[in-house]
Structure formats: C-alpha cells, structure tokens
Amino acid sequence: MTKAIIIDDEPLARDVIKSYLADYPAISLVEECANGFEGLKAINQHQPHLVFLDIQMPKITGFELLELLDTLPSIIFTTAFDEFALKAFEANAIDYLLKPFSEERFQKAMDKFLATGIDTHTQKIPQLVEQLSAQNPSQTERVVIKLGNKIKVISIYDIAYLSADDDYVKIHTAEGEFLKNQTLAFFEKNLNPQLFVRVHRSFIVKIDQITKIESYEKDNLILILKSGEKIPISKTGYPKLKAVLGI
C-alpha cells in the first residue's frame, strides 16, 4: 500500500485532495495535517511515499519543513501563490498544483507520481533548498532548526555569527550554538547584506556585533565581537568588510 500525507492549513483544500484521492484505492491517506509542525511529526512517524505540501502555512512554511527532513518523499506542492519559479518545482518535485485545481489537473499530477514509482528520493535536502532558493530568491528572516523531536525558530536578529562545521553551519546566538544542515554559501546568498558580511571562508558575521578590528600575528587581522569572541578575517573578506563598514 502506498502511503500519503496531506499538509495544508486550509480544511477545504485538504477535503478537495481527499475527495480526489478516493479514485486511487491503492493509495492510503495515513494522516492529514494543518501545519508544518504536525506535518514533520507525521512524516517521521509514517514515512510516507507521497506528500501533498502547501507552501505558505503558519508556524513553518513548506520550504522550511523540507529543510527539516532527513529523507525526501515524493512531493506534490499545492499552493495559491503562483509567483514561485515553476522550473524549480518541476525539477525537484513530482508536480505543482496551483489552487484551485481541477480533478483533471490532479489526475495529471498523480499520473506523474505513479509513473515514477514510490521509491524515496535520494537527493540531499540542502541541495534541494539551495536550488529552490536560486530560482526563488528572497532574504532569509529566520532559521528553522530541528532539535530532536522539537523545532526551534531562530530570528536572524538573534544571530551573532555563523561558522562552517564540516557539512553543517553552526549558528551562534546569545542563547547557544545550533547546527544547521546547510552551507555558508547558502546563507551568504540569502541573508541581508546590510546586516551580515562574510569575512572568511568559514565565517559570516552580523555587522552590529563587530566592535573593532585588530592585527594578529604577521599581516593577519581579526574581528573582536561584542561577546569578546575573535573571528579571523581573510584577504578576500577584508575588502567586503571595509565596504560594509565604510572604511
């Protein structure tokens, strides 16, 4: 039996999908969820083959939900917003249904899913998110982190700096340090350049956390942050730093 989950904050939208799914007896709807928190829990519990995923939802968005998954099921996006780049969705999802969609349009999406089989996608989640971001650029306002069975939302205004940590990025805040399965290149591209600057291949710093620049050993410079922490400045990072500081 093929397992499916619906994640959408609109009851009517969930009802429409359920009614259309009635024509597919081989697909079992194991759960329907009204927000991303419920959706993440349901996906981890049921390991579905197919997820109908809304994008704009309260608490966390569909994109943010994808970032929290360890493996990626087949995704059919459902949304009322058509400003997103369709090519990105077509490349990384089974299909993209623009609300309100007809039963005929739904059937076409299901035909695509059935043609691909029910094997879980092997593509890395960070790669998917970066590709979607490249097609649909927007400045990041928050970072969503999975902490065991909990989800933590970090405002970018609470971030002091970010550092590379193997395949992860370590997010440094006054509250503590948090690992995100993402790249510094992604954050450099999506964080507001008026608030953050990449000063080193391994460090992005929030500009208002900088207190001074000091010499360190021969021809090397470091940043001193409000916390007292010291961040190295690379030769390529120094011109960027000078530009944002106006020096």
C-alpha atoms as a PDB file:
ATOM      1  CA  MET A   1       0.000   0.000   0.000  1.00  0.00           C
ATOM      2  CA  THR A   2       1.293   3.438  -0.963  1.00  0.00           C
ATOM      3  CA  LYS A   3       1.132   5.869   1.966  1.00  0.00           C
ATOM      4  CA  ALA A   4       0.249   9.561   1.518  1.00  0.00           C
ATOM      5  CA  ILE A   5       0.017  12.583   3.801  1.00  0.00           C
ATOM      6  CA  ILE A   6      -1.674  15.947   3.218  1.00  0.00           C
ATOM      7  CA  ILE A   7      -0.108  19.028   4.837  1.00  0.00           C
ATOM      8  CA  ASP A   8      -2.218  22.153   4.316  1.00  0.00           C
ATOM      9  CA  ASP A   9      -3.619  24.741   6.727  1.00  0.00           C
ATOM     10  CA  GLU A  10      -6.863  25.099   4.747  1.00  0.00           C
ATOM     11  CA  PRO A  11      -9.535  22.481   5.657  1.00  0.00           C
ATOM     12  CA  LEU A  12     -11.285  22.943   2.305  1.00  0.00           C
ATOM     13  CA  ALA A  13      -8.061  22.275   0.401  1.00  0.00           C
ATOM     14  CA  ARG A  14      -7.492  19.087   2.401  1.00  0.00           C
ATOM     15  CA  ASP A  15     -11.063  17.981   1.701  1.00  0.00           C
ATOM     16  CA  VAL A  16     -10.616  18.528  -2.047  1.00  0.00           C
ATOM     17  CA  ILE A  17      -7.456  16.409  -2.125  1.00  0.00           C
ATOM     18  CA  LYS A  18      -9.133  13.678  -0.069  1.00  0.00           C
ATOM     19  CA  SER A  19     -12.091  13.563  -2.424  1.00  0.00           C
ATOM     20  CA  TYR A  20      -9.823  13.307  -5.465  1.00  0.00           C
ATOM     21  CA  LEU A  21      -7.721  10.608  -3.772  1.00  0.00           C
ATOM     22  CA  ALA A  22     -10.854   8.448  -3.397  1.00  0.00           C
ATOM     23  CA  ASP A  23     -10.303   7.396  -7.013  1.00  0.00           C
ATOM     24  CA  TYR A  24      -6.955   5.820  -6.029  1.00  0.00           C
ATOM     25  CA  PRO A  25      -7.737   2.870  -3.726  1.00  0.00           C
ATOM     26  CA  ALA A  26      -4.100   1.720  -3.774  1.00  0.00           C
ATOM     27  CA  ILE A  27      -3.070   4.936  -2.019  1.00  0.00           C
ATOM     28  CA  SER A  28      -3.729   5.093   1.718  1.00  0.00           C
ATOM     29  CA  LEU A  29      -4.088   8.542   3.291  1.00  0.00           C
ATOM     30  CA  VAL A  30      -2.420   7.886   6.641  1.00  0.00           C
ATOM     31  CA  GLU A  31      -2.742  11.410   8.054  1.00  0.00           C
ATOM     32  CA  GLU A  32      -3.722  14.987   7.247  1.00  0.00           C
ATOM     33  CA  CYS A  33      -2.007  17.915   8.953  1.00  0.00           C
ATOM     34  CA  ALA A  34      -2.928  21.580   9.413  1.00  0.00           C
ATOM     35  CA  ASN A  35       0.606  22.964   9.803  1.00  0.00           C
ATOM     36  CA  GLY A  36       4.268  22.167   9.292  1.00  0.00           C
ATOM     37  CA  PHE A  37       4.869  21.058  12.881  1.00  0.00           C
ATOM     38  CA  GLU A  38       2.180  18.392  12.587  1.00  0.00           C
ATOM     39  CA  GLY A  39       3.469  17.510   9.128  1.00  0.00           C
ATOM     40  CA  LEU A  40       7.034  16.908  10.277  1.00  0.00           C
ATOM     41  CA  LYS A  41       5.840  14.625  13.069  1.00  0.00           C
ATOM     42  CA  ALA A  42       3.572  12.711  10.686  1.00  0.00           C
ATOM     43  CA  ILE A  43       6.301  12.241   8.071  1.00  0.00           C
ATOM     44  CA  ASN A  44       8.765  10.951  10.662  1.00  0.00           C
ATOM     45  CA  GLN A  45       6.148   8.594  12.076  1.00  0.00           C
ATOM     46  CA  HIS A  46       4.646   7.186   8.880  1.00  0.00           C
ATOM     47  CA  GLN A  47       7.498   7.529   6.345  1.00  0.00           C
ATOM     48  CA  PRO A  48       5.023   8.231   3.520  1.00  0.00           C
ATOM     49  CA  HIS A  49       5.754   7.705  -0.152  1.00  0.00           C
ATOM     50  CA  LEU A  50       3.848  10.830  -1.218  1.00  0.00           C
ATOM     51  CA  VAL A  51       3.211  14.206   0.455  1.00  0.00           C
ATOM     52  CA  PHE A  52       0.817  16.905  -0.725  1.00  0.00           C
ATOM     53  CA  LEU A  53       2.517  20.002   0.648  1.00  0.00           C
ATOM     54  CA  ASP A  54       1.261  23.562   0.910  1.00  0.00           C
ATOM     55  CA  ILE A  55       3.932  26.282   0.863  1.00  0.00           C
ATOM     56  CA  GLN A  56       2.527  29.244   2.756  1.00  0.00           C
ATOM     57  CA  MET A  57       1.498  27.949   6.179  1.00  0.00           C
ATOM     58  CA  PRO A  58       1.587  29.294   9.738  1.00  0.00           C
ATOM     59  CA  LYS A  59       4.405  28.329  12.125  1.00  0.00           C
ATOM     60  CA  ILE A  60       6.731  26.980   9.435  1.00  0.00           C
ATOM     61  CA  THR A  61       6.458  27.073   5.640  1.00  0.00           C
ATOM     62  CA  GLY A  62       6.566  24.141   3.274  1.00  0.00           C
ATOM     63  CA  PHE A  63      10.147  25.028   2.347  1.00  0.00           C
ATOM     64  CA  GLU A  64      11.195  25.123   5.995  1.00  0.00           C
ATOM     65  CA  LEU A  65       9.568  21.744   6.537  1.00  0.00           C
ATOM     66  CA  LEU A  66      11.643  20.274   3.709  1.00  0.00           C
ATOM     67  CA  GLU A  67      14.808  21.562   5.374  1.00  0.00           C
ATOM     68  CA  LEU A  68      13.986  19.533   8.492  1.00  0.00           C
ATOM     69  CA  LEU A  69      13.588  16.183   6.735  1.00  0.00           C
ATOM     70  CA  ASP A  70      16.295  13.545   6.721  1.00  0.00           C
ATOM     71  CA  THR A  71      14.938  11.857   3.584  1.00  0.00           C
ATOM     72  CA  LEU A  72      12.684  13.281   0.938  1.00  0.00           C
ATOM     73  CA  PRO A  73       9.410  11.584  -0.051  1.00  0.00           C
ATOM     74  CA  SER A  74       7.760  12.359  -3.361  1.00  0.00           C
ATOM     75  CA  ILE A  75       6.307  15.873  -3.144  1.00  0.00           C
ATOM     76  CA  ILE A  76       3.326  17.412  -4.922  1.00  0.00           C
ATOM     77  CA  PHE A  77       3.233  21.095  -3.988  1.00  0.00           C
ATOM     78  CA  THR A  78      -0.187  22.704  -3.548  1.00  0.00           C
ATOM     79  CA  THR A  79      -0.389  26.475  -3.227  1.00  0.00           C
ATOM     80  CA  ALA A  80      -2.441  29.547  -4.073  1.00  0.00           C
ATOM     81  CA  PHE A  81       0.688  31.583  -4.840  1.00  0.00           C
ATOM     82  CA  ASP A  82       1.970  31.452  -8.385  1.00  0.00           C
ATOM     83  CA  GLU A  83       4.992  33.756  -8.012  1.00  0.00           C
ATOM     84  CA  PHE A  84       7.281  30.818  -7.282  1.00  0.00           C
ATOM     85  CA  ALA A  85       9.589  29.570 -10.016  1.00  0.00           C
ATOM     86  CA  LEU A  86       7.848  26.653 -11.653  1.00  0.00           C
ATOM     87  CA  LYS A  87      11.043  25.254 -13.153  1.00  0.00           C
ATOM     88  CA  ALA A  88      12.481  24.671  -9.684  1.00  0.00           C
ATOM     89  CA  PHE A  89       9.401  22.765  -8.586  1.00  0.00           C
ATOM     90  CA  GLU A  90       9.248  20.746 -11.761  1.00  0.00           C
ATOM     91  CA  ALA A  91      12.886  19.760 -11.319  1.00  0.00           C
ATOM     92  CA  ASN A  92      12.618  18.791  -7.668  1.00  0.00           C
ATOM     93  CA  ALA A  93       9.028  17.680  -7.132  1.00  0.00           C
ATOM     94  CA  ILE A  94       6.510  15.401  -8.813  1.00  0.00           C
ATOM     95  CA  ASP A  95       4.270  18.324  -9.676  1.00  0.00           C
ATOM     96  CA  TYR A  96       2.986  21.755  -8.653  1.00  0.00           C
ATOM     97  CA  LEU A  97      -0.764  22.314  -8.253  1.00  0.00           C
ATOM     98  CA  LEU A  98      -1.974  25.909  -8.275  1.00  0.00           C
ATOM     99  CA  LYS A  99      -5.149  26.356  -6.223  1.00  0.00           C
ATOM    100  CA  PRO A 100      -7.926  25.995  -7.088  1.00  0.00           C
ATOM    101  CA  PHE A 101      -7.070  22.977  -9.226  1.00  0.00           C
ATOM    102  CA  SER A 102      -9.469  20.681 -11.073  1.00  0.00           C
ATOM    103  CA  GLU A 103      -9.768  16.937 -10.696  1.00  0.00           C
ATOM    104  CA  GLU A 104      -8.332  16.562 -14.176  1.00  0.00           C
ATOM    105  CA  ARG A 105      -5.247  18.572 -13.173  1.00  0.00           C
ATOM    106  CA  PHE A 106      -4.934  16.472 -10.008  1.00  0.00           C
ATOM    107  CA  GLN A 107      -5.082  13.290 -12.064  1.00  0.00           C
ATOM    108  CA  LYS A 108      -2.213  14.518 -14.235  1.00  0.00           C
ATOM    109  CA  ALA A 109      -0.104  15.054 -11.125  1.00  0.00           C
ATOM    110  CA  MET A 110      -0.985  11.590  -9.871  1.00  0.00           C
ATOM    111  CA  ASP A 111      -0.110  10.064 -13.232  1.00  0.00           C
ATOM    112  CA  LYS A 112       3.361  11.603 -12.879  1.00  0.00           C
ATOM    113  CA  PHE A 113       3.723  10.183  -9.384  1.00  0.00           C
ATOM    114  CA  LEU A 114       2.586   6.703 -10.385  1.00  0.00           C
ATOM    115  CA  ALA A 115       4.961   6.773 -13.344  1.00  0.00           C
ATOM    116  CA  THR A 116       7.967   7.496 -11.127  1.00  0.00           C
ATOM    117  CA  GLY A 117       7.341   4.663  -8.676  1.00  0.00           C
ATOM    118  CA  ILE A 118       7.221   5.012  -4.906  1.00  0.00           C
ATOM    119  CA  ASP A 119      10.925   4.927  -4.054  1.00  0.00           C
ATOM    120  CA  THR A 120      12.095   7.708  -1.739  1.00  0.00           C
ATOM    121  CA  HIS A 121      14.163  10.402  -3.414  1.00  0.00           C
ATOM    122  CA  THR A 122      17.871  10.296  -2.682  1.00  0.00           C
ATOM    123  CA  GLN A 123      18.601  13.948  -3.371  1.00  0.00           C
ATOM    124  CA  LYS A 124      20.098  15.807  -0.419  1.00  0.00           C
ATOM    125  CA  ILE A 125      17.653  18.173   1.251  1.00  0.00           C
ATOM    126  CA  PRO A 126      20.144  21.098   1.433  1.00  0.00           C
ATOM    127  CA  GLN A 127      20.737  20.795  -2.316  1.00  0.00           C
ATOM    128  CA  LEU A 128      17.006  20.936  -2.957  1.00  0.00           C
ATOM    129  CA  VAL A 129      16.572  24.016  -0.768  1.00  0.00           C
ATOM    130  CA  GLU A 130      19.509  25.788  -2.403  1.00  0.00           C
ATOM    131  CA  GLN A 131      18.137  25.074  -5.876  1.00  0.00           C
ATOM    132  CA  LEU A 132      14.700  26.337  -4.904  1.00  0.00           C
ATOM    133  CA  SER A 133      16.276  29.429  -3.379  1.00  0.00           C
ATOM    134  CA  ALA A 134      18.285  30.092  -6.533  1.00  0.00           C
ATOM    135  CA  GLN A 135      15.074  30.078  -8.582  1.00  0.00           C
ATOM    136  CA  ASN A 136      13.074  31.975  -5.975  1.00  0.00           C
ATOM    137  CA  PRO A 137      15.467  34.448  -4.286  1.00  0.00           C
ATOM    138  CA  SER A 138      14.358  36.050  -1.028  1.00  0.00           C
ATOM    139  CA  GLN A 139      16.127  37.261   2.075  1.00  0.00           C
ATOM    140  CA  THR A 140      16.032  34.852   4.972  1.00  0.00           C
ATOM    141  CA  GLU A 141      14.283  36.269   8.044  1.00  0.00           C
ATOM    142  CA  ARG A 142      14.609  33.222  10.272  1.00  0.00           C
ATOM    143  CA  VAL A 143      16.301  29.844  10.505  1.00  0.00           C
ATOM    144  CA  VAL A 144      14.418  26.685  11.463  1.00  0.00           C
ATOM    145  CA  ILE A 145      16.370  24.054  13.407  1.00  0.00           C
ATOM    146  CA  LYS A 146      15.366  20.519  14.377  1.00  0.00           C
ATOM    147  CA  LEU A 147      16.338  19.664  17.952  1.00  0.00           C
ATOM    148  CA  GLY A 148      15.398  16.025  18.486  1.00  0.00           C
ATOM    149  CA  ASN A 149      11.599  15.951  18.379  1.00  0.00           C
ATOM    150  CA  LYS A 150      11.341  19.733  18.736  1.00  0.00           C
ATOM    151  CA  ILE A 151      11.621  22.601  16.284  1.00  0.00           C
ATOM    152  CA  LYS A 152      13.392  25.862  17.094  1.00  0.00           C
ATOM    153  CA  VAL A 153      12.872  29.036  15.076  1.00  0.00           C
ATOM    154  CA  ILE A 154      15.781  31.494  15.265  1.00  0.00           C
ATOM    155  CA  SER A 155      15.305  35.084  14.113  1.00  0.00           C
ATOM    156  CA  ILE A 156      18.239  36.391  12.093  1.00  0.00           C
ATOM    157  CA  TYR A 157      18.365  39.334  14.512  1.00  0.00           C
ATOM    158  CA  ASP A 158      19.359  36.918  17.282  1.00  0.00           C
ATOM    159  CA  ILE A 159      22.351  35.597  15.333  1.00  0.00           C
ATOM    160  CA  ALA A 160      25.819  36.894  16.244  1.00  0.00           C
ATOM    161  CA  TYR A 161      27.700  34.959  13.570  1.00  0.00           C
ATOM    162  CA  LEU A 162      27.753  31.717  11.578  1.00  0.00           C
ATOM    163  CA  SER A 163      30.658  29.336  11.145  1.00  0.00           C
ATOM    164  CA  ALA A 164      31.343  26.325   8.937  1.00  0.00           C
ATOM    165  CA  ASP A 165      31.360  22.993  10.773  1.00  0.00           C
ATOM    166  CA  ASP A 166      32.077  20.108   8.383  1.00  0.00           C
ATOM    167  CA  ASP A 167      28.848  19.561   6.395  1.00  0.00           C
ATOM    168  CA  TYR A 168      26.904  21.875   8.694  1.00  0.00           C
ATOM    169  CA  VAL A 169      26.719  25.528   9.617  1.00  0.00           C
ATOM    170  CA  LYS A 170      26.961  26.417  13.283  1.00  0.00           C
ATOM    171  CA  ILE A 171      24.658  29.305  14.219  1.00  0.00           C
ATOM    172  CA  HIS A 172      25.951  31.293  17.182  1.00  0.00           C
ATOM    173  CA  THR A 173      23.440  33.158  19.352  1.00  0.00           C
ATOM    174  CA  ALA A 174      23.351  34.529  22.901  1.00  0.00           C
ATOM    175  CA  GLU A 175      21.210  31.503  23.767  1.00  0.00           C
ATOM    176  CA  GLY A 176      23.711  28.978  22.456  1.00  0.00           C
ATOM    177  CA  GLU A 177      25.021  27.284  19.321  1.00  0.00           C
ATOM    178  CA  PHE A 178      22.839  25.374  16.855  1.00  0.00           C
ATOM    179  CA  LEU A 179      23.759  23.190  13.878  1.00  0.00           C
ATOM    180  CA  LYS A 180      22.006  23.556  10.543  1.00  0.00           C
ATOM    181  CA  ASN A 181      22.440  21.103   7.662  1.00  0.00           C
ATOM    182  CA  GLN A 182      23.194  23.830   5.142  1.00  0.00           C
ATOM    183  CA  THR A 183      26.149  25.672   3.589  1.00  0.00           C
ATOM    184  CA  LEU A 184      27.674  29.075   4.309  1.00  0.00           C
ATOM    185  CA  ALA A 185      27.270  29.866   0.605  1.00  0.00           C
ATOM    186  CA  PHE A 186      23.512  29.479   1.000  1.00  0.00           C
ATOM    187  CA  PHE A 187      23.409  31.880   3.948  1.00  0.00           C
ATOM    188  CA  GLU A 188      25.737  34.361   2.262  1.00  0.00           C
ATOM    189  CA  LYS A 189      23.347  34.490  -0.676  1.00  0.00           C
ATOM    190  CA  ASN A 190      20.135  34.704   1.361  1.00  0.00           C
ATOM    191  CA  LEU A 191      20.992  36.793   4.423  1.00  0.00           C
ATOM    192  CA  ASN A 192      20.520  40.567   4.213  1.00  0.00           C
ATOM    193  CA  PRO A 193      23.893  42.008   3.082  1.00  0.00           C
ATOM    194  CA  GLN A 194      23.180  45.140   5.096  1.00  0.00           C
ATOM    195  CA  LEU A 195      23.148  43.009   8.254  1.00  0.00           C
ATOM    196  CA  PHE A 196      25.701  40.269   7.560  1.00  0.00           C
ATOM    197  CA  VAL A 197      29.102  40.057   5.892  1.00  0.00           C
ATOM    198  CA  ARG A 198      31.246  37.061   5.026  1.00  0.00           C
ATOM    199  CA  VAL A 199      34.704  37.876   6.384  1.00  0.00           C
ATOM    200  CA  HIS A 200      36.292  34.461   5.905  1.00  0.00           C
ATOM    201  CA  ARG A 201      35.589  31.234   4.026  1.00  0.00           C
ATOM    202  CA  SER A 202      34.411  29.780   7.346  1.00  0.00           C
ATOM    203  CA  PHE A 203      32.665  32.796   8.930  1.00  0.00           C
ATOM    204  CA  ILE A 204      29.722  35.130   8.331  1.00  0.00           C
ATOM    205  CA  VAL A 205      29.346  37.890  10.931  1.00  0.00           C
ATOM    206  CA  LYS A 206      26.439  40.114  11.899  1.00  0.00           C
ATOM    207  CA  ILE A 207      27.742  43.611  11.330  1.00  0.00           C
ATOM    208  CA  ASP A 208      26.342  45.171  14.507  1.00  0.00           C
ATOM    209  CA  GLN A 209      28.237  42.590  16.587  1.00  0.00           C
ATOM    210  CA  ILE A 210      31.607  43.972  15.471  1.00  0.00           C
ATOM    211  CA  THR A 211      33.430  46.160  17.996  1.00  0.00           C
ATOM    212  CA  LYS A 212      36.888  46.512  16.440  1.00  0.00           C
ATOM    213  CA  ILE A 213      39.498  45.125  14.074  1.00  0.00           C
ATOM    214  CA  GLU A 214      42.915  44.117  15.421  1.00  0.00           C
ATOM    215  CA  SER A 215      46.185  42.902  13.972  1.00  0.00           C
ATOM    216  CA  TYR A 216      47.051  39.290  14.678  1.00  0.00           C
ATOM    217  CA  GLU A 217      50.474  37.838  14.009  1.00  0.00           C
ATOM    218  CA  LYS A 218      52.104  38.766  10.711  1.00  0.00           C
ATOM    219  CA  ASP A 219      49.801  40.564   8.249  1.00  0.00           C
ATOM    220  CA  ASN A 220      46.716  38.915   9.742  1.00  0.00           C
ATOM    221  CA  LEU A 221      43.579  40.639  11.040  1.00  0.00           C
ATOM    222  CA  ILE A 222      40.833  39.537  13.395  1.00  0.00           C
ATOM    223  CA  LEU A 223      37.434  40.868  14.375  1.00  0.00           C
ATOM    224  CA  ILE A 224      36.511  41.380  18.005  1.00  0.00           C
ATOM    225  CA  LEU A 225      32.801  40.860  18.621  1.00  0.00           C
ATOM    226  CA  LYS A 226      30.655  42.235  21.444  1.00  0.00           C
ATOM    227  CA  SER A 227      30.838  38.820  23.075  1.00  0.00           C
ATOM    228  CA  GLY A 228      34.631  39.046  23.108  1.00  0.00           C
ATOM    229  CA  GLU A 229      34.987  36.274  20.537  1.00  0.00           C
ATOM    230  CA  LYS A 230      37.667  36.654  17.869  1.00  0.00           C
ATOM    231  CA  ILE A 231      36.930  35.955  14.200  1.00  0.00           C
ATOM    232  CA  PRO A 232      39.680  35.715  11.542  1.00  0.00           C
ATOM    233  CA  ILE A 233      39.499  37.970   8.505  1.00  0.00           C
ATOM    234  CA  SER A 234      40.700  36.572   5.191  1.00  0.00           C
ATOM    235  CA  LYS A 235      42.328  38.581   2.390  1.00  0.00           C
ATOM    236  CA  THR A 236      39.163  38.235   0.301  1.00  0.00           C
ATOM    237  CA  GLY A 237      36.918  39.023   3.252  1.00  0.00           C
ATOM    238  CA  TYR A 238      38.669  42.250   4.227  1.00  0.00           C
ATOM    239  CA  PRO A 239      37.514  44.299   1.183  1.00  0.00           C
ATOM    240  CA  LYS A 240      33.916  43.188   1.848  1.00  0.00           C
ATOM    241  CA  LEU A 241      34.280  44.194   5.483  1.00  0.00           C
ATOM    242  CA  LYS A 242      35.726  47.596   4.563  1.00  0.00           C
ATOM    243  CA  ALA A 243      32.848  48.201   2.171  1.00  0.00           C
ATOM    244  CA  VAL A 244      30.091  47.480   4.690  1.00  0.00           C
ATOM    245  CA  LEU A 245      31.845  49.440   7.443  1.00  0.00           C
ATOM    246  CA  GLY A 246      32.628  52.382   5.149  1.00  0.00           C
ATOM    247  CA  ILE A 247      36.367  52.383   5.847  1.00  0.00           C
END
